[in-house]
Protein backbone atom coordinates (compact mmCIF):
# COMPACT_ATOMS: atom_id res chain seq x y z
CA UNK A 1 15.44 -9.92 -16.45
CA UNK A 2 16.34 -13.62 -16.72
CA UNK A 3 14.14 -16.37 -15.34
CA UNK A 4 15.00 -20.01 -14.74
CA UNK A 5 12.74 -22.95 -14.04
CA UNK A 6 12.98 -24.77 -10.72
CA UNK A 7 12.48 -28.50 -10.30
CA UNK A 8 8.81 -28.01 -9.58
CA UNK A 9 8.34 -26.26 -12.91
CA UNK A 10 7.73 -22.80 -11.42
CA UNK A 11 9.78 -19.96 -12.97
CA UNK A 12 12.01 -18.06 -10.58
CA UNK A 13 13.13 -14.53 -11.39
CA UNK A 14 16.85 -13.79 -11.30
CA UNK A 15 16.21 -10.57 -9.33
CA UNK A 16 14.38 -12.54 -6.64
CA UNK A 17 17.25 -15.06 -6.46
CA UNK A 18 19.79 -12.25 -6.09
CA UNK A 19 17.80 -10.61 -3.30
CA UNK A 20 17.29 -13.94 -1.50
CA UNK A 21 21.03 -14.60 -1.69
CA UNK A 22 21.79 -11.31 0.05
CA UNK A 23 19.25 -12.08 2.78
CA UNK A 24 20.74 -15.56 3.28
CA UNK A 25 24.20 -14.05 3.57
CA UNK A 26 23.00 -11.66 6.29
CA UNK A 27 21.34 -14.47 8.20
CA UNK A 28 24.44 -16.67 7.94
CA UNK A 29 26.66 -13.81 9.13
CA UNK A 30 24.51 -13.29 12.23
CA UNK A 31 24.37 -16.96 13.15
CA UNK A 32 21.07 -16.82 15.04
CA UNK A 33 18.20 -19.17 14.26
CA UNK A 34 15.22 -18.22 12.10
CA UNK A 35 13.07 -18.15 15.21
CA UNK A 36 15.43 -15.86 17.16
CA UNK A 37 15.92 -13.43 14.28
CA UNK A 38 12.23 -13.50 13.39
CA UNK A 39 11.31 -12.54 16.94
CA UNK A 40 13.55 -9.46 16.71
CA UNK A 41 12.05 -8.57 13.32
CA UNK A 42 8.42 -9.18 14.37
CA UNK A 43 7.93 -11.85 11.72
CA UNK A 44 7.50 -15.60 12.02
CA UNK A 45 10.38 -18.02 11.54
CA UNK A 46 8.63 -19.50 8.50
CA UNK A 47 8.22 -16.04 6.94
CA UNK A 48 11.93 -15.26 7.38
CA UNK A 49 12.78 -18.64 5.85
CA UNK A 50 10.65 -17.80 2.80
CA UNK A 51 12.56 -14.52 2.40
CA UNK A 52 15.86 -16.43 2.47
CA UNK A 53 14.69 -19.07 0.01
CA UNK A 54 13.17 -16.59 -2.42
CA UNK A 55 9.69 -18.08 -2.04
CA UNK A 56 8.39 -14.68 -0.89
CA UNK A 57 9.54 -11.08 -1.29
CA UNK A 58 8.55 -8.75 1.58
CA UNK A 59 6.11 -6.00 0.63
CA UNK A 60 8.22 -3.39 2.45
CA UNK A 61 11.96 -2.83 2.65
CA UNK A 62 11.74 -1.79 6.31
CA UNK A 63 11.79 -5.35 7.64
CA UNK A 64 14.83 -6.22 5.50
CA UNK A 65 16.59 -3.04 6.58
CA UNK A 66 16.04 -3.99 10.22
CA UNK A 67 17.58 -7.39 9.48
CA UNK A 68 20.60 -5.65 7.91
CA UNK A 69 21.02 -3.47 11.01
CA UNK A 70 20.72 -6.46 13.33
CA UNK A 71 23.37 -8.32 11.33
CA UNK A 72 25.81 -5.37 11.33
CA UNK A 73 25.54 -4.33 7.66
CA UNK A 74 27.16 -1.02 6.76
CA UNK A 75 25.57 1.77 4.72
CA UNK A 76 26.95 0.49 1.41
CA UNK A 77 25.55 -2.99 2.03
CA UNK A 78 22.16 -1.57 3.01
CA UNK A 79 21.99 0.49 -0.20
CA UNK A 80 22.86 -2.59 -2.27
CA UNK A 81 20.24 -4.59 -0.38
CA UNK A 82 17.57 -1.93 -1.03
CA UNK A 83 18.41 -1.88 -4.74
CA UNK A 84 18.12 -5.68 -4.89
CA UNK A 85 14.83 -5.61 -2.99
CA UNK A 86 13.45 -2.97 -5.39
CA UNK A 87 14.14 -5.19 -8.40
CA UNK A 88 12.80 -8.30 -6.65
CA UNK A 89 9.65 -6.43 -5.61
CA UNK A 90 9.05 -5.37 -9.21
CA UNK A 91 9.41 -8.98 -10.30
CA UNK A 92 6.96 -10.08 -7.58
CA UNK A 93 4.41 -7.50 -8.65
CA UNK A 94 4.74 -8.53 -12.30
CA UNK A 95 4.17 -12.17 -11.40
CA UNK A 96 1.24 -11.32 -9.12
CA UNK A 97 -0.55 -9.04 -11.58
CA UNK A 98 -3.67 -10.79 -12.92
CA UNK A 99 -4.45 -10.80 -16.60
CA UNK A 100 -5.94 -7.40 -17.42
CA UNK A 101 -9.57 -7.17 -18.37
CA UNK A 102 -10.06 -6.42 -22.08
CA UNK A 103 -10.44 -2.71 -22.56
CA UNK A 104 -11.57 -1.29 -25.90
CA UNK A 105 -8.89 0.75 -27.55
CA UNK A 106 -9.39 4.49 -27.39
CA UNK A 107 -10.21 6.02 -30.78
CA UNK A 108 -7.28 7.77 -32.35
CA UNK A 109 -7.68 11.51 -32.51
CA UNK A 110 -5.43 11.60 -35.59
CA UNK A 111 -5.74 8.67 -38.03
CA UNK A 112 -2.47 9.72 -39.70
CA UNK A 113 0.21 9.65 -36.92
CA UNK A 114 2.92 10.52 -39.39
CA UNK A 115 1.30 13.86 -40.21
CA UNK A 116 2.31 16.78 -37.92
CA UNK A 117 -0.32 18.11 -35.50
CA UNK A 118 -1.76 21.38 -36.88
CA UNK A 119 -1.69 24.42 -34.62
CA UNK A 120 -4.73 26.35 -33.45
CA UNK A 121 -4.27 29.12 -35.97
CA UNK A 122 -3.73 29.26 -39.75
CA UNK A 123 -0.49 27.98 -41.21
CA UNK A 124 2.31 30.56 -41.01
CA UNK A 125 3.14 30.10 -44.66
CA UNK A 126 0.18 30.01 -47.08
CA UNK A 127 2.41 28.45 -49.75
CA UNK A 128 2.51 25.17 -47.81
CA UNK A 129 -1.02 23.78 -48.11
CA UNK A 130 -2.40 21.17 -45.70
CA UNK A 131 -1.79 17.70 -47.23
CA UNK A 132 -5.30 16.58 -46.28
CA UNK A 133 -6.82 19.58 -48.08
CA UNK A 134 -5.20 18.45 -51.34
CA UNK A 135 -7.18 15.20 -51.25
CA UNK A 136 -10.89 15.92 -51.88
CA UNK A 137 -11.82 12.41 -50.64
CA UNK A 138 -10.26 12.98 -47.16
CA UNK A 139 -12.80 13.91 -44.46
CA UNK A 140 -12.37 17.36 -43.07
CA UNK A 141 -11.38 17.30 -39.36
CA UNK A 142 -13.15 19.78 -37.08
CA UNK A 143 -9.88 21.50 -36.16
CA UNK A 144 -9.25 22.31 -39.83
CA UNK A 145 -11.84 25.09 -39.72
CA UNK A 146 -10.03 28.03 -38.15
CA UNK A 147 -12.25 30.66 -39.75
CA UNK A 148 -15.09 30.33 -37.28
CA UNK A 149 -13.89 33.39 -35.44
CA UNK A 150 -14.97 33.58 -31.80
CA UNK A 151 -14.97 29.94 -30.50
CA UNK A 152 -11.17 29.59 -30.12
CA UNK A 153 -10.69 32.79 -28.03
CA UNK A 154 -13.75 31.85 -25.96
CA UNK A 155 -12.33 28.43 -25.23
CA UNK A 156 -8.99 29.95 -24.21
CA UNK A 157 -10.77 32.38 -21.88
CA UNK A 158 -12.80 29.56 -20.35
CA UNK A 159 -9.69 27.47 -19.78
CA UNK A 160 -7.93 30.40 -18.08
CA UNK A 161 -10.96 30.94 -15.85
CA UNK A 162 -10.98 27.27 -14.84
CA UNK A 163 -7.27 27.41 -13.99
CA UNK A 164 -7.80 30.51 -11.85
CA UNK A 165 -10.70 28.86 -10.01
CA UNK A 166 -8.67 25.68 -9.42
CA UNK A 167 -5.74 27.70 -8.03
CA UNK A 168 -8.07 29.63 -5.76
CA UNK A 169 -9.64 26.42 -4.46
CA UNK A 170 -6.20 24.91 -3.82
CA UNK A 171 -5.06 27.99 -1.90
CA UNK A 172 -8.22 28.17 0.21
CA UNK A 173 -8.59 24.43 0.81
CA UNK A 174 -6.61 22.05 3.00
CA UNK A 175 -4.17 19.79 1.13
CA UNK A 176 -4.21 16.07 1.91
CA UNK A 177 -1.06 14.70 3.49
CA UNK A 178 0.32 11.43 2.16
CA UNK A 179 2.69 8.88 3.60
CA UNK A 180 5.52 10.24 1.44
CA UNK A 181 4.88 13.80 2.64
CA UNK A 182 3.61 13.58 6.23
CA UNK A 183 2.27 16.59 8.07
CA UNK A 184 5.26 18.51 9.46
CA UNK A 185 5.46 20.00 12.91
CA UNK A 186 4.15 23.53 13.33
CA UNK A 187 6.75 26.24 12.73
CA UNK A 188 6.87 29.94 13.39
CA UNK A 189 6.05 32.32 10.51
CA UNK A 190 9.03 32.99 8.28
CA UNK A 191 10.84 29.77 9.25
CA UNK A 192 11.27 26.71 7.05
CA UNK A 193 10.03 23.43 8.50
CA UNK A 194 12.91 21.08 9.26
CA UNK A 195 12.70 17.49 7.99
CA UNK A 196 11.28 14.88 10.31
CA UNK A 197 13.90 13.30 12.60
CA UNK A 198 12.53 9.86 11.70
CA UNK A 199 11.12 7.86 8.80
CA UNK A 200 7.94 5.82 8.77
CA UNK A 201 6.14 3.39 6.53
CA UNK A 202 2.92 1.42 6.66
CA UNK A 203 1.51 -1.92 5.63
CA UNK A 204 -2.26 -1.77 5.14
CA UNK A 205 -3.01 -5.13 3.50
CA UNK A 206 -2.13 -7.43 6.39
CA UNK A 207 -3.82 -10.68 7.40
CA UNK A 208 -4.30 -12.08 10.89
CA UNK A 209 -1.40 -14.42 11.49
CA UNK A 210 -0.38 -13.94 7.86
CA UNK A 211 -3.20 -16.18 6.65
CA UNK A 212 -6.69 -15.11 7.74
CA UNK A 213 -8.62 -12.09 6.49
CA UNK A 214 -12.00 -11.11 5.05
CA UNK A 215 -12.58 -8.76 2.13
CA UNK A 216 -15.86 -7.30 0.92
CA UNK A 217 -16.09 -7.35 -2.88
CA UNK A 218 -18.94 -6.11 -5.07
CA UNK A 219 -18.73 -9.10 -7.41
CA UNK A 220 -20.37 -12.48 -7.80
CA UNK A 221 -18.18 -15.47 -6.81
CA UNK A 222 -17.55 -16.49 -10.42
CA UNK A 223 -15.98 -13.07 -11.08
CA UNK A 224 -13.57 -13.23 -8.11
CA UNK A 225 -10.08 -14.68 -8.50
CA UNK A 226 -8.78 -17.29 -6.03
CA UNK A 227 -7.26 -15.88 -2.84
CA UNK A 228 -3.63 -14.76 -3.24
CA UNK A 229 -0.73 -15.38 -0.90
CA UNK A 230 -0.57 -12.73 1.82
CA UNK A 231 2.37 -10.94 0.18
CA UNK A 232 0.28 -10.28 -2.95
CA UNK A 233 -2.90 -9.21 -1.13
CA UNK A 234 -2.49 -5.55 -2.11
CA UNK A 235 -2.58 -6.30 -5.84
CA UNK A 236 -5.54 -8.68 -5.41
CA UNK A 237 -7.52 -6.15 -3.34
CA UNK A 238 -6.79 -3.33 -5.79
CA UNK A 239 -7.88 -5.38 -8.80
CA UNK A 240 -11.17 -6.34 -7.14
CA UNK A 241 -11.91 -2.98 -5.48
CA UNK A 242 -11.97 -4.86 -2.18
CA UNK A 243 -12.62 -3.29 1.23
CA UNK A 244 -11.48 -4.73 4.56
CA UNK A 245 -14.37 -6.69 6.07
CA UNK A 246 -14.91 -6.44 9.81
CA UNK A 247 -11.25 -5.71 10.62
CA UNK A 248 -8.31 -3.85 9.11
CA UNK A 249 -4.73 -4.44 10.27
CA UNK A 250 -2.28 -1.58 9.80
CA UNK A 251 1.40 -1.95 10.61
CA UNK A 252 3.39 1.27 11.22
CA UNK A 253 7.18 1.03 11.21
CA UNK A 254 9.00 4.02 12.72
CA UNK A 255 12.80 4.43 12.58
CA UNK A 256 14.95 7.31 13.79
CA UNK A 257 17.54 8.95 11.57
CA UNK A 258 20.26 9.11 14.22
CA UNK A 259 21.82 6.21 16.16
CA UNK A 260 22.12 8.35 19.32
CA UNK A 261 19.41 11.05 19.25
CA UNK A 262 16.19 9.27 20.16
CA UNK A 263 12.74 10.26 18.95
CA UNK A 264 9.99 9.84 21.52
CA UNK A 265 6.59 8.61 20.31
CA UNK A 266 3.97 9.91 22.75
CA UNK A 267 0.53 8.84 21.52
CA UNK A 268 -1.46 7.39 18.66
CA UNK A 269 -4.87 8.94 17.92
CA UNK A 270 -7.71 7.63 15.74
CA UNK A 271 -9.80 10.00 13.61
CA UNK A 272 -12.97 8.75 11.89
CA UNK A 273 -13.81 11.06 9.00
CA UNK A 274 -16.89 9.30 7.62
CA UNK A 275 -19.47 6.74 8.77
CA UNK A 276 -22.02 5.06 6.50
CA UNK A 277 -24.11 1.90 6.51
CA UNK A 278 -22.04 -1.29 6.00
CA UNK A 279 -21.47 -2.19 2.37
CA UNK A 280 -24.06 -4.65 0.94
CA UNK A 281 -21.32 -6.71 -0.75
CA UNK A 282 -20.26 -10.35 -0.61
CA UNK A 283 -17.66 -11.36 1.99
CA UNK A 284 -14.70 -13.47 0.82
CA UNK A 285 -12.47 -15.19 3.38
CA UNK A 286 -8.78 -15.54 2.62
CA UNK A 287 -8.17 -18.40 5.09
CA UNK A 288 -5.64 -20.81 3.60
CA UNK A 289 -3.86 -22.35 6.57
CA UNK A 290 -2.04 -20.36 9.25
CA UNK A 291 1.59 -20.42 10.32
CA UNK A 292 3.43 -18.76 13.17
CA UNK A 293 3.24 -15.04 13.72
CA UNK A 294 4.56 -12.32 16.01
CA UNK A 295 2.32 -9.41 17.03
CA UNK A 296 4.15 -7.08 19.43
CA UNK A 297 3.06 -3.48 20.17
CA UNK A 298 -0.51 -4.43 19.37
CA UNK A 299 -3.35 -1.88 19.56
CA UNK A 300 -7.07 -2.43 19.06
CA UNK A 301 -9.53 0.20 17.85
CA UNK A 302 -13.33 -0.05 18.08
CA UNK A 303 -14.51 2.09 15.16
CA UNK A 304 -18.13 1.77 16.30
CA UNK A 305 -17.47 3.90 19.38
CA UNK A 306 -18.22 7.65 19.14
CA UNK A 307 -14.58 8.47 19.95
CA UNK A 308 -12.39 5.47 19.04
CA UNK A 309 -9.16 5.01 20.98
CA UNK A 310 -6.05 2.96 20.21
CA UNK A 311 -5.79 0.66 23.25
CA UNK A 312 -2.65 -1.44 23.85
CA UNK A 313 -3.29 -5.17 24.23
CA UNK A 314 -1.09 -8.21 24.76
CA UNK A 315 0.68 -9.52 21.69
CA UNK A 316 1.47 -13.14 20.82
CA UNK A 317 4.60 -14.88 19.57
CA UNK A 318 3.54 -18.06 17.78
CA UNK A 319 6.74 -18.48 15.78
CA UNK A 320 8.15 -21.16 18.07
CA UNK A 321 6.98 -24.48 19.39
CA UNK A 322 4.90 -22.78 22.06
CA UNK A 323 2.77 -19.63 21.89
CA UNK A 324 4.27 -16.92 24.09
CA UNK A 325 2.39 -13.88 25.36
CA UNK A 326 3.99 -10.47 24.81
CA UNK A 327 2.73 -8.09 27.54
CA UNK A 328 1.09 -4.89 26.37
CA UNK A 329 3.26 -1.78 26.59
CA UNK A 330 1.74 1.72 26.51
CA UNK A 331 3.24 4.89 25.12
CA UNK A 332 5.75 6.51 25.14
CA UNK A 333 8.28 4.63 23.00
CA UNK A 334 11.75 5.67 21.85
CA UNK A 335 13.22 5.00 18.41
CA UNK A 336 16.66 5.48 16.86
CA UNK A 337 18.19 4.39 13.56
CA UNK A 338 19.37 1.14 15.15
CA UNK A 339 16.29 0.55 17.32
CA UNK A 340 13.11 0.98 15.23
CA UNK A 341 9.59 0.36 16.52
CA UNK A 342 6.68 -1.44 14.92
CA UNK A 343 3.07 -0.69 15.85
CA UNK A 344 0.23 -2.99 14.79
CA UNK A 345 -3.25 -1.44 14.80
CA UNK A 346 -6.32 -3.67 14.59
CA UNK A 347 -9.37 -1.54 13.68
CA UNK A 348 -12.71 -3.38 13.91
CA UNK A 349 -16.30 -2.52 13.09
CA UNK A 350 -19.60 -4.36 12.93
CA UNK A 351 -22.02 -1.52 12.22
CA UNK A 352 -20.49 0.95 9.78
CA UNK A 353 -18.55 1.55 6.58
CA UNK A 354 -15.88 3.65 8.32
CA UNK A 355 -13.14 5.80 6.80
CA UNK A 356 -10.41 6.73 9.27
CA UNK A 357 -6.78 7.71 9.74
CA UNK A 358 -4.21 7.86 12.54
CA UNK A 359 -2.15 10.65 14.09
CA UNK A 360 1.20 9.93 15.74
CA UNK A 361 2.55 12.47 18.28
CA UNK A 362 6.32 12.74 18.60
CA UNK A 363 9.10 14.87 20.08
CA UNK A 364 12.87 15.07 19.54
CA UNK A 365 15.58 17.61 20.34
CA UNK A 366 13.16 20.26 21.59
CA UNK A 367 10.81 19.81 18.64
CA UNK A 368 7.29 18.39 18.75
CA UNK A 369 4.88 17.43 16.03
CA UNK A 370 2.10 15.18 14.78
CA UNK A 371 2.27 12.95 11.71
CA UNK A 372 -0.90 11.94 9.92
CA UNK A 373 -0.87 8.25 8.98
CA UNK A 374 -3.03 7.52 5.91
CA UNK A 375 -3.33 4.83 3.27
CA UNK A 376 -1.36 6.48 0.49
CA UNK A 377 -3.01 9.86 1.11
CA UNK A 378 -6.51 8.41 1.53
CA UNK A 379 -8.27 7.34 4.74
CA UNK A 380 -8.21 3.67 5.67
CA UNK A 381 -11.53 1.92 5.10
CA UNK A 382 -13.23 -0.86 7.07
CA UNK A 383 -16.82 -2.08 6.71
CA UNK A 384 -18.89 -4.47 8.81
CA UNK A 385 -19.78 -7.91 7.43
CA UNK A 386 -22.78 -8.82 9.58
CA UNK A 387 -25.50 -10.49 7.49
CA UNK A 388 -23.43 -10.55 4.31
CA UNK A 389 -23.11 -13.75 2.21
CA UNK A 390 -19.72 -15.27 3.12
CA UNK A 391 -17.59 -17.42 0.82
CA UNK A 392 -14.44 -19.51 1.17
CA UNK A 393 -12.36 -20.90 -1.67
CA UNK A 394 -12.43 -24.63 -2.39
CA UNK A 395 -8.97 -25.25 -3.82
CA UNK A 396 -9.88 -28.80 -4.86
CA UNK A 397 -12.75 -27.63 -7.05
CA UNK A 398 -11.22 -24.25 -7.88
CA UNK A 399 -14.26 -22.19 -6.96
CA UNK A 400 -15.78 -20.10 -4.17
CA UNK A 401 -18.36 -21.87 -1.99
CA UNK A 402 -20.55 -20.67 0.87
CA UNK A 403 -19.78 -21.20 4.53
CA UNK A 404 -22.61 -23.73 4.79
CA UNK A 405 -21.15 -25.75 1.91
CA UNK A 406 -17.69 -25.72 3.50
CA UNK A 407 -18.85 -26.50 7.03
CA UNK A 408 -17.41 -23.22 8.41
CA UNK A 409 -19.43 -20.87 10.55
CA UNK A 410 -19.15 -17.28 11.81
């Protein structure tokens, strides 16, 4: 993939430029301002501008697909846009990936790769001796001693037993549902479950207003990289083993498959599967200057309550010159292919290391069901930060400093 250098000396990937060009073309076709389109897409005007300029690639295709639908793109254009976004996202992830930590190379099981791997039994033809056996100076490998008798059959029997036990455990246990294979609606015996009448995706590495967030990291400040831009927060958090500190924001985007047959979303439930004492780790704030943001369909969850509930609250539109309140709207909602819905869940805790997931109830065409919303098949995780050492990044000095050194509090 080609890269060229901009005037500021920063390399720009050709895939990102191609994707940005398609987004600009959609925006130009529609004719509305960045602010007006951003409000419909639930993103700030500045964020949409960064998509069009190629300064940022969205973490999810859903927001770009909604833009395509708003601007009247047909199915062929949407497929081309998704392919361009896929390549641009790969380029973004490559650029955002930090230098890997040095890992010692694994010892080679066979120091002579060119030699064929011997089988578990004796050679089928005794006239073809093992090349290593012809050299008396070559060390004898353990697998070159097939005349021990019982160990090989015993190992085979043990492996078979382990496979049988694993299959039995899988059949008796309860498989974990992931975002790519959500829990289907219940069906009668003998009937095949129909596909969901809608698609959904999540964003689980979001920052308040696109700029403010706290992570707990089990590392000293000198071993923590500078804060990333919000679009690269997932890679940064994964590299550092970070856990959301105090609050986790989860965005759920739901879109119907049909332009006319609506899917009704009835309720959103919160399930806490584990509570432990808050993590005794350092807290690192990602604050780096906030821009405008849109937060419609906003729900808050108090994970410290015995039975947490997702409560609708007013959202805010700060993408324009003035901050505008977006009144809270409770369930139910309706979604189609041309009218998707975006739900933003803010899950907070002060007193626990909580693992939790969401369940979304729906109905469509006489069918009902519940989809389990998880973080890639695992529960979401949020831990309190009370009493933990808190750090902010001093960009001038290029290091993490404490709140007291920076003058910040809280």
